[in-house]
Amino acid sequence: MKVLKFGGTSVGSVKNMCNVKHIINDGAKKVVVLSAMSGTTNKLVSIAQDISLGNSNDAIDKINKLHQTYFNTIDELLSNSLLNSDVKNYVSSIFEILVELTNKDFSEIVENQILAQGELLSTYMFTGYLKQEGIKATLLPALDFMRIDAFKEPDLDYIKNNFESVLNAAEDSEIYITQGFICLDDKNNVSNLQRGGSDYTATIIGAAIKAEEVQIWTDIDGMHNNDPRYVENTSAISNLSFEEAAELAYFGAKILHPQTVTPVRKDSIPVRLKNTMKPEAHGTLISDSTSENGIKAIAAKDNIIAIKIKSARMLQAHGFLKKVFEIFETYQTSIDMITTSEVAVSLTIDDDKNLEQIITELEKIASIEVDKNQSIVCLVGHSVVNHQDTYKLFQILQDVKIRMISYGGSKNNISLLIDSQDKINTLQKLNDYLFELVTL
């Protein structure tokens, strides 16, 4: 059995839902994971913000407008009067819940309940559409089997056991629909897998059922060798290893949630990235096999903070780095890049939630310099540090000021830290240097 995930754009209009129907209606049993309709989660975030600020009237006004938008979509999607009425009743019950939440004391639990409604809306509506089209479809509520533990990691044993129970109890169907993104936490409160988490849902389910393949359907034809939002003439990469895909996702490739490939790597379950609008395109196949060596792709991660920690006491002081890392561990802040010299260590973080406390602690042992508005540009490929053409990337040094370089920590990744205002120029220059000169 395959698992197919469709993102918000893929179910963002009646036309696109029709495309999805044609893609999945091939007679083979499958699990289909859906995101919220494009734009819905952003609107729910805005509603949650209004509630947090005490602007209940503004929140209710946005809820009512979104409610009407869904009714308009339902009228366009469902001509069957019974199904139209059934889906509208369900949708209305969701918006009643949202109105009730405007009277609650705002908390993370309330916020998560608000954000969960988008996937509940899209999956119920799309299941109704499949039934209208004569396709046997069953809705499997994700909150019946998806759960994270106290460390916000998927509780894989729980998910596997409960998904099997839910699937066995369900009516036999061609297609099983479920929600991406949403889950329960370890206290059985509604939670989520963060933005892009529907990809993660799909591979978690894929691992649980030992799927033949997991497919991630979006509005782009696979992972590109550079960011097409900023660079012209990018192209889709036909094959990536799990390691290469994980590096690209973590360092800014928006097509994948950073943890997407983690659940399926152990069992070598391939992940295929496809374009809902161009289903005939090959896309990108992610598997445990490696193809050619050398740099295959470039990605960039923004909102990076660089911290330089300088102290003469570092010299031959074996416990200095331990103290530094303990500070970041205390404040649960992960480090992306790190370089060291005799008397200084420079590192980067992407979470400024506890930055002031971290700096206060670091200043007790060293002098500190902080640079915000930085970007990490990541160059990824199999065994890039050993490839004969990798030296060409360093031609960038004559055009762009590089703050840090991470080279050798991973054989599949070289990272450059630059000022964010130089990002687009850097991506284009690297594209010219590397993909004009290196055969991939």
Protein backbone atom coordinates (compact mmCIF):
# COMPACT_ATOMS: atom_id res chain seq x y z
CA MET A 1 0.00 0.00 0.00
CA LYS A 2 1.22 3.51 -0.80
CA VAL A 3 0.81 6.70 1.23
CA LEU A 4 0.12 9.88 -0.73
CA LYS A 5 0.23 13.34 0.84
CA PHE A 6 -1.30 16.39 -0.85
CA GLY A 7 -0.42 19.88 0.32
CA GLY A 8 -2.58 22.95 0.75
CA THR A 9 -2.24 24.14 -2.84
CA SER A 10 -3.16 20.67 -4.13
CA VAL A 11 -6.54 20.92 -2.36
CA GLY A 12 -6.74 24.71 -2.54
CA SER A 13 -9.44 24.89 -5.22
CA VAL A 14 -12.16 22.76 -6.74
CA LYS A 15 -10.08 22.38 -9.91
CA ASN A 16 -7.10 21.12 -7.93
CA MET A 17 -9.25 18.73 -5.90
CA CYS A 18 -10.44 17.30 -9.20
CA ASN A 19 -6.76 16.79 -10.20
CA VAL A 20 -6.13 14.98 -6.93
CA LYS A 21 -9.12 12.73 -7.52
CA HIS A 22 -7.74 11.68 -10.92
CA ILE A 23 -4.29 11.01 -9.43
CA ILE A 24 -5.51 8.78 -6.61
CA ASN A 25 -8.32 6.99 -8.47
CA ASP A 26 -6.29 4.16 -10.01
CA GLY A 27 -7.96 1.17 -8.34
CA ALA A 28 -5.16 0.53 -5.83
CA LYS A 29 -5.74 0.85 -2.10
CA LYS A 30 -3.90 3.76 -0.53
CA VAL A 31 -3.76 6.14 2.40
CA VAL A 32 -4.19 9.80 1.44
CA VAL A 33 -2.97 12.50 3.82
CA LEU A 34 -4.33 16.01 3.29
CA SER A 35 -3.23 19.43 4.47
CA ALA A 36 -5.65 22.28 5.09
CA MET A 37 -6.77 24.21 2.01
CA SER A 38 -4.17 26.82 1.06
CA GLY A 39 -4.64 30.02 3.03
CA THR A 40 -6.75 28.43 5.75
CA THR A 41 -3.96 27.87 8.29
CA ASN A 42 -2.79 31.49 7.88
CA LYS A 43 -6.33 32.68 8.56
CA LEU A 44 -6.57 30.43 11.63
CA VAL A 45 -3.25 31.83 12.88
CA SER A 46 -4.68 35.34 12.50
CA ILE A 47 -7.84 34.31 14.39
CA ALA A 48 -5.72 32.87 17.20
CA GLN A 49 -3.70 36.10 17.37
CA ASP A 50 -6.89 38.15 17.68
CA ILE A 51 -8.10 35.95 20.53
CA SER A 52 -4.74 36.20 22.30
CA LEU A 53 -4.99 40.01 22.14
CA GLY A 54 -8.58 40.01 23.40
CA ASN A 55 -10.01 41.08 20.03
CA SER A 56 -12.88 38.57 20.04
CA ASN A 57 -15.07 40.61 17.69
CA ASP A 58 -12.34 40.72 15.05
CA ALA A 59 -11.81 36.98 15.47
CA ILE A 60 -15.52 36.24 15.06
CA ASP A 61 -15.69 38.43 11.95
CA LYS A 62 -12.81 36.45 10.39
CA ILE A 63 -14.44 33.16 11.40
CA ASN A 64 -17.71 34.14 9.71
CA LYS A 65 -15.95 35.20 6.50
CA LEU A 66 -13.97 31.95 6.37
CA HIS A 67 -17.19 30.01 7.05
CA GLN A 68 -18.83 31.61 4.00
CA THR A 69 -15.76 30.88 1.86
CA TYR A 70 -16.09 27.19 2.68
CA PHE A 71 -19.80 27.21 1.91
CA ASN A 72 -19.05 28.72 -1.51
CA THR A 73 -16.46 26.01 -2.17
CA ILE A 74 -18.85 23.27 -1.10
CA ASP A 75 -21.54 24.57 -3.48
CA GLU A 76 -19.03 24.46 -6.34
CA LEU A 77 -17.67 21.05 -5.35
CA LEU A 78 -20.77 19.08 -4.36
CA SER A 79 -23.81 18.95 -6.65
CA ASN A 80 -25.32 16.02 -4.72
CA SER A 81 -27.81 17.70 -2.38
CA LEU A 82 -27.52 15.13 0.42
CA LEU A 83 -23.72 15.23 0.47
CA ASN A 84 -23.77 19.03 0.13
CA SER A 85 -26.01 19.29 3.17
CA ASP A 86 -24.02 16.76 5.19
CA VAL A 87 -20.68 18.49 4.54
CA LYS A 88 -22.16 21.93 5.26
CA ASN A 89 -23.51 20.67 8.59
CA TYR A 90 -20.08 19.34 9.52
CA VAL A 91 -18.34 22.52 8.41
CA SER A 92 -20.78 24.61 10.44
CA SER A 93 -20.03 22.51 13.52
CA ILE A 94 -16.32 23.27 13.08
CA PHE A 95 -16.95 27.01 12.86
CA GLU A 96 -19.19 26.81 15.94
CA ILE A 97 -16.21 25.32 17.79
CA LEU A 98 -14.05 28.21 16.60
CA VAL A 99 -16.60 30.75 17.86
CA GLU A 100 -16.71 28.97 21.23
CA LEU A 101 -12.92 29.16 21.45
CA THR A 102 -13.06 32.97 21.23
CA ASN A 103 -14.55 32.92 24.75
CA LYS A 104 -11.77 30.77 26.21
CA ASP A 105 -8.75 32.04 28.10
CA PHE A 106 -6.03 31.95 25.47
CA SER A 107 -3.35 29.30 25.87
CA GLU A 108 -1.19 27.04 23.73
CA ILE A 109 -3.88 24.37 24.03
CA VAL A 110 -6.53 26.76 22.68
CA GLU A 111 -4.20 27.86 19.88
CA ASN A 112 -3.53 24.25 18.85
CA GLN A 113 -7.26 23.52 18.82
CA ILE A 114 -7.81 26.47 16.49
CA LEU A 115 -5.01 25.47 14.11
CA ALA A 116 -6.25 21.86 13.92
CA GLN A 117 -9.57 22.78 12.32
CA GLY A 118 -8.17 23.39 8.83
CA GLU A 119 -7.23 19.74 8.24
CA LEU A 120 -10.54 18.56 9.70
CA LEU A 121 -12.37 20.77 7.20
CA SER A 122 -10.41 19.74 4.10
CA THR A 123 -10.53 16.00 4.76
CA TYR A 124 -14.26 15.85 5.46
CA MET A 125 -15.05 17.94 2.40
CA PHE A 126 -12.76 15.93 0.11
CA THR A 127 -14.11 12.60 1.40
CA GLY A 128 -17.61 13.81 0.54
CA TYR A 129 -16.42 14.73 -2.95
CA LEU A 130 -14.94 11.26 -3.53
CA LYS A 131 -18.19 9.63 -2.44
CA GLN A 132 -20.10 11.84 -4.88
CA GLU A 133 -17.76 10.65 -7.64
CA GLY A 134 -18.51 7.02 -6.81
CA ILE A 135 -15.15 6.28 -5.16
CA LYS A 136 -15.17 4.20 -1.97
CA ALA A 137 -13.47 6.45 0.58
CA THR A 138 -13.26 6.27 4.37
CA LEU A 139 -12.13 9.02 6.71
CA LEU A 140 -9.66 7.95 9.42
CA PRO A 141 -9.43 10.66 12.12
CA ALA A 142 -5.75 11.39 12.78
CA LEU A 143 -6.49 12.20 16.41
CA ASP A 144 -7.40 8.54 16.87
CA PHE A 145 -3.83 7.40 16.21
CA MET A 146 -1.33 10.29 15.83
CA ARG A 147 0.44 11.25 19.07
CA ILE A 148 3.70 12.89 20.13
CA ASP A 149 5.56 12.18 23.35
CA ALA A 150 6.74 14.54 26.09
CA PHE A 151 9.74 15.49 23.91
CA LYS A 152 7.41 16.38 21.00
CA GLU A 153 8.66 13.38 19.02
CA PRO A 154 6.24 10.94 17.31
CA ASP A 155 5.23 8.10 19.61
CA LEU A 156 5.85 5.50 16.92
CA ASP A 157 4.72 2.40 18.82
CA TYR A 158 1.47 4.10 19.84
CA ILE A 159 0.90 5.34 16.27
CA LYS A 160 1.57 1.93 14.71
CA ASN A 161 -0.71 0.03 17.10
CA ASN A 162 -3.54 2.55 16.96
CA PHE A 163 -3.39 3.08 13.21
CA GLU A 164 -3.66 -0.67 12.67
CA SER A 165 -6.68 -0.77 15.01
CA VAL A 166 -8.37 2.17 13.28
CA LEU A 167 -7.68 0.72 9.83
CA ASN A 168 -8.95 -2.75 10.76
CA ALA A 169 -12.13 -1.28 12.23
CA ALA A 170 -12.81 0.93 9.21
CA GLU A 171 -15.14 0.09 6.36
CA ASP A 172 -13.27 -1.56 3.51
CA SER A 173 -12.45 1.13 0.96
CA GLU A 174 -10.27 1.98 -1.98
CA ILE A 175 -8.96 5.14 -0.36
CA TYR A 176 -8.42 6.00 3.29
CA ILE A 177 -8.31 9.73 3.97
CA THR A 178 -6.67 11.25 7.03
CA GLN A 179 -5.40 14.60 8.29
CA GLY A 180 -1.80 15.70 8.15
CA PHE A 181 -0.20 18.04 10.69
CA ILE A 182 -2.51 17.43 13.66
CA CYS A 183 -1.95 15.01 16.54
CA LEU A 184 -2.38 14.57 20.28
CA ASP A 185 0.35 15.34 22.78
CA ASP A 186 1.41 13.10 25.67
CA LYS A 187 -1.43 14.51 27.79
CA ASN A 188 -4.00 13.88 25.05
CA ASN A 189 -4.40 17.55 24.20
CA VAL A 190 -4.70 18.54 20.55
CA SER A 191 -1.27 19.47 19.18
CA ASN A 192 0.54 19.49 15.84
CA LEU A 193 3.77 18.62 14.03
CA GLN A 194 4.52 22.29 13.16
CA ARG A 195 4.29 23.95 9.74
CA GLY A 196 4.84 21.49 6.93
CA GLY A 197 3.99 18.67 9.30
CA SER A 198 1.69 16.91 6.83
CA ASP A 199 4.79 15.57 5.08
CA TYR A 200 5.91 14.20 8.41
CA THR A 201 2.50 12.62 9.02
CA ALA A 202 2.73 10.81 5.69
CA THR A 203 6.15 9.26 6.35
CA ILE A 204 5.21 8.35 9.94
CA ILE A 205 2.19 6.46 8.60
CA GLY A 206 4.36 5.02 5.81
CA ALA A 207 6.78 3.65 8.38
CA ALA A 208 3.94 2.30 10.55
CA ILE A 209 2.40 0.24 7.73
CA LYS A 210 5.71 -0.52 5.94
CA ALA A 211 4.40 1.27 2.87
CA GLU A 212 5.58 0.44 -0.63
CA GLU A 213 6.25 4.15 -1.21
CA VAL A 214 5.39 7.55 0.24
CA GLN A 215 4.50 10.28 -2.25
CA ILE A 216 4.55 13.98 -1.39
CA TRP A 217 2.44 15.95 -3.88
CA THR A 218 2.91 19.72 -4.02
CA ASP A 219 2.85 22.51 -6.60
CA ILE A 220 6.45 22.04 -7.79
CA ASP A 221 7.89 19.15 -9.79
CA GLY A 222 10.36 17.83 -7.21
CA MET A 223 13.31 19.14 -5.24
CA HIS A 224 15.17 21.74 -7.30
CA ASN A 225 18.91 22.28 -7.42
CA ASN A 226 18.44 25.85 -6.14
CA ASP A 227 15.62 27.98 -4.79
CA PRO A 228 13.34 28.79 -7.77
CA ARG A 229 11.85 31.74 -5.87
CA TYR A 230 15.15 33.59 -6.16
CA VAL A 231 17.18 31.92 -8.91
CA GLU A 232 16.34 31.53 -12.57
CA ASN A 233 16.77 28.34 -14.58
CA THR A 234 16.70 25.88 -11.70
CA SER A 235 15.87 22.26 -12.43
CA ALA A 236 14.38 19.33 -10.57
CA ILE A 237 16.76 16.68 -9.23
CA SER A 238 15.73 13.21 -10.33
CA ASN A 239 17.31 11.27 -7.43
CA LEU A 240 18.51 12.06 -3.91
CA SER A 241 19.69 9.88 -1.06
CA PHE A 242 17.97 10.09 2.33
CA GLU A 243 21.04 11.88 3.70
CA GLU A 244 21.05 14.49 0.94
CA ALA A 245 17.31 15.14 1.25
CA ALA A 246 17.54 15.47 5.03
CA GLU A 247 20.34 18.05 4.74
CA LEU A 248 18.42 20.09 2.17
CA ALA A 249 15.18 20.01 4.16
CA TYR A 250 16.88 21.07 7.38
CA PHE A 251 18.77 23.88 5.70
CA GLY A 252 15.85 25.55 4.01
CA ALA A 253 14.38 23.54 1.11
CA LYS A 254 10.73 24.44 1.70
CA ILE A 255 9.31 21.52 -0.25
CA LEU A 256 9.95 19.15 2.69
CA HIS A 257 9.40 19.27 6.45
CA PRO A 258 12.88 18.88 8.03
CA GLN A 259 12.01 15.53 9.65
CA THR A 260 10.20 14.02 6.66
CA VAL A 261 12.66 11.26 5.75
CA THR A 262 13.52 10.27 9.33
CA PRO A 263 10.71 7.69 9.89
CA VAL A 264 11.23 5.84 6.59
CA ARG A 265 15.04 5.66 6.41
CA LYS A 266 15.32 2.62 8.68
CA ASP A 267 13.10 0.51 6.42
CA SER A 268 14.38 2.03 3.16
CA ILE A 269 10.88 3.15 2.14
CA PRO A 270 11.31 5.48 -0.86
CA VAL A 271 9.79 8.97 -0.86
CA ARG A 272 8.76 10.49 -4.16
CA LEU A 273 8.14 14.23 -4.62
CA LYS A 274 5.55 14.99 -7.30
CA ASN A 275 3.67 17.95 -8.81
CA THR A 276 -0.13 17.80 -8.58
CA MET A 277 -0.41 20.17 -11.56
CA LYS A 278 2.04 18.10 -13.67
CA PRO A 279 1.54 14.49 -12.55
CA GLU A 280 3.38 13.18 -15.61
CA ALA A 281 6.65 14.81 -14.47
CA HIS A 282 9.21 12.44 -12.90
CA GLY A 283 9.70 14.54 -9.77
CA THR A 284 12.37 13.56 -7.26
CA LEU A 285 12.89 10.07 -5.87
CA ILE A 286 14.46 9.93 -2.40
CA SER A 287 15.87 6.53 -1.47
CA ASP A 288 18.82 4.84 0.21
CA SER A 289 20.77 4.66 -3.05
CA THR A 290 23.29 7.29 -4.11
CA SER A 291 23.91 8.41 -7.63
CA GLU A 292 26.70 10.70 -8.79
CA ASN A 293 29.10 12.46 -6.43
CA GLY A 294 29.47 16.21 -6.15
CA ILE A 295 27.22 19.15 -5.34
CA LYS A 296 23.64 18.50 -6.42
CA ALA A 297 21.67 21.29 -4.79
CA ILE A 298 21.78 24.54 -2.84
CA ALA A 299 19.40 25.67 -0.10
CA ALA A 300 19.27 28.66 2.24
CA LYS A 301 18.02 29.02 5.79
CA ASP A 302 17.12 32.50 7.06
CA ASN A 303 16.68 34.14 10.47
CA ILE A 304 20.05 32.88 11.69
CA ILE A 305 21.89 34.45 14.62
CA ALA A 306 25.68 34.21 14.80
CA ILE A 307 27.36 34.32 18.21
CA LYS A 308 31.11 34.78 18.59
CA ILE A 309 32.46 33.68 21.98
CA LYS A 310 35.98 34.92 22.63
CA SER A 311 38.15 34.23 25.66
CA ALA A 312 41.87 33.88 26.32
CA ARG A 313 40.86 31.17 28.80
CA MET A 314 39.94 28.94 25.85
CA LEU A 315 43.62 28.31 25.17
CA GLN A 316 44.30 24.73 26.27
CA ALA A 317 41.25 24.87 28.58
CA HIS A 318 39.63 21.48 28.08
CA GLY A 319 36.40 22.38 29.89
CA PHE A 320 35.59 25.61 28.07
CA LEU A 321 33.50 24.20 25.22
CA LYS A 322 31.66 21.97 27.69
CA LYS A 323 30.55 25.07 29.61
CA VAL A 324 29.41 26.73 26.37
CA PHE A 325 27.36 23.75 25.24
CA GLU A 326 25.81 23.33 28.68
CA ILE A 327 24.42 26.86 28.46
CA PHE A 328 22.69 26.09 25.16
CA GLU A 329 21.42 22.79 26.55
CA THR A 330 19.99 24.55 29.61
CA TYR A 331 17.93 26.82 27.36
CA GLN A 332 17.03 24.02 24.92
CA THR A 333 18.52 25.87 21.95
CA SER A 334 20.11 23.86 19.17
CA ILE A 335 23.25 24.91 17.29
CA ASP A 336 23.44 24.76 13.48
CA MET A 337 27.04 25.66 12.62
CA ILE A 338 30.19 25.89 14.72
CA THR A 339 33.81 26.87 14.03
CA THR A 340 36.67 27.25 16.49
CA SER A 341 40.06 28.93 16.77
CA GLU A 342 42.62 29.09 19.58
CA VAL A 343 40.74 31.77 21.53
CA ALA A 344 37.25 31.92 20.02
CA VAL A 345 34.31 29.84 18.97
CA SER A 346 31.64 31.03 16.55
CA LEU A 347 28.30 29.31 16.29
CA THR A 348 24.81 29.88 14.93
CA ILE A 349 21.29 29.37 16.21
CA ASP A 350 17.88 29.84 14.57
CA ASP A 351 15.81 30.30 17.74
CA ASP A 352 16.06 33.62 19.60
CA LYS A 353 13.48 32.77 22.27
CA ASN A 354 16.08 32.56 25.03
CA LEU A 355 18.79 34.66 23.39
CA GLU A 356 19.04 37.25 26.18
CA GLN A 357 19.45 34.61 28.88
CA ILE A 358 22.02 32.73 26.79
CA ILE A 359 24.08 35.90 26.23
CA THR A 360 23.93 36.75 29.94
CA GLU A 361 25.30 33.32 30.83
CA LEU A 362 27.99 33.38 28.12
CA GLU A 363 29.21 36.82 29.21
CA LYS A 364 30.20 35.30 32.54
CA ILE A 365 32.93 33.28 30.79
CA ALA A 366 33.79 35.25 27.63
CA SER A 367 33.27 38.38 25.57
CA ILE A 368 30.37 38.03 23.15
CA GLU A 369 29.53 39.40 19.71
CA VAL A 370 26.09 38.82 18.20
CA ASP A 371 25.17 39.21 14.51
CA LYS A 372 21.52 38.90 13.53
CA ASN A 373 19.91 38.78 10.07
CA GLN A 374 22.24 36.05 8.85
CA SER A 375 21.54 33.20 6.42
CA ILE A 376 23.08 29.76 6.05
CA VAL A 377 23.64 28.70 2.46
CA CYS A 378 23.98 24.93 2.30
CA LEU A 379 25.54 22.99 -0.59
CA VAL A 380 24.54 19.34 -0.63
CA GLY A 381 25.56 16.26 -2.56
CA HIS A 382 27.05 12.83 -2.07
CA SER A 383 30.64 12.98 -0.80
CA VAL A 384 30.99 16.65 -1.74
CA VAL A 385 34.06 17.19 0.43
CA ASN A 386 35.94 14.60 -1.66
CA HIS A 387 34.74 15.64 -5.10
CA GLN A 388 37.31 17.02 -7.54
CA ASP A 389 35.15 19.98 -8.60
CA THR A 390 34.10 21.16 -5.13
CA TYR A 391 36.90 23.74 -5.06
CA LYS A 392 34.91 25.77 -7.59
CA LEU A 393 32.44 26.87 -4.93
CA PHE A 394 35.21 28.86 -3.24
CA GLN A 395 35.25 31.21 -6.19
CA ILE A 396 32.30 32.77 -4.38
CA LEU A 397 34.76 34.26 -1.88
CA GLN A 398 35.78 36.93 -4.38
CA ASP A 399 32.20 38.18 -4.67
CA VAL A 400 30.52 37.64 -1.29
CA LYS A 401 31.63 38.26 2.28
CA ILE A 402 31.52 34.90 4.09
CA ARG A 403 31.04 35.04 7.88
CA MET A 404 31.66 31.33 8.59
CA ILE A 405 32.35 28.13 6.65
CA SER A 406 31.49 24.62 7.83
CA TYR A 407 33.50 22.14 5.76
CA GLY A 408 34.24 18.54 6.69
CA GLY A 409 31.70 18.04 9.47
CA SER A 410 29.60 16.07 7.00
CA LYS A 411 30.77 14.49 3.76
CA ASN A 412 27.45 15.49 2.18
CA ASN A 413 27.21 19.14 3.21
CA ILE A 414 29.21 22.37 3.06
CA SER A 415 27.64 25.41 4.72
CA LEU A 416 28.37 29.12 4.35
CA LEU A 417 27.14 31.83 6.72
CA ILE A 418 26.41 35.16 5.04
CA ASP A 419 24.49 38.36 5.70
CA SER A 420 20.87 37.84 4.65
CA GLN A 421 20.98 40.84 2.32
CA ASP A 422 23.56 38.95 0.26
CA LYS A 423 21.52 35.75 0.03
CA ILE A 424 19.94 36.13 -3.41
CA ASN A 425 23.21 37.25 -4.98
CA THR A 426 25.03 34.34 -3.33
CA LEU A 427 22.52 31.77 -4.55
CA GLN A 428 22.75 33.09 -8.09
CA LYS A 429 26.57 33.27 -8.05
CA LEU A 430 26.84 29.71 -6.74
CA ASN A 431 24.38 28.57 -9.37
CA ASP A 432 26.54 30.13 -12.07
CA TYR A 433 29.81 28.77 -10.70
CA LEU A 434 28.66 25.27 -9.90
CA PHE A 435 25.91 24.19 -12.26
CA GLU A 436 27.50 25.85 -15.26
CA LEU A 437 30.78 24.09 -14.56
CA VAL A 438 29.99 20.81 -12.79
CA THR A 439 28.21 17.97 -14.54
CA LEU A 440 25.53 16.58 -12.21
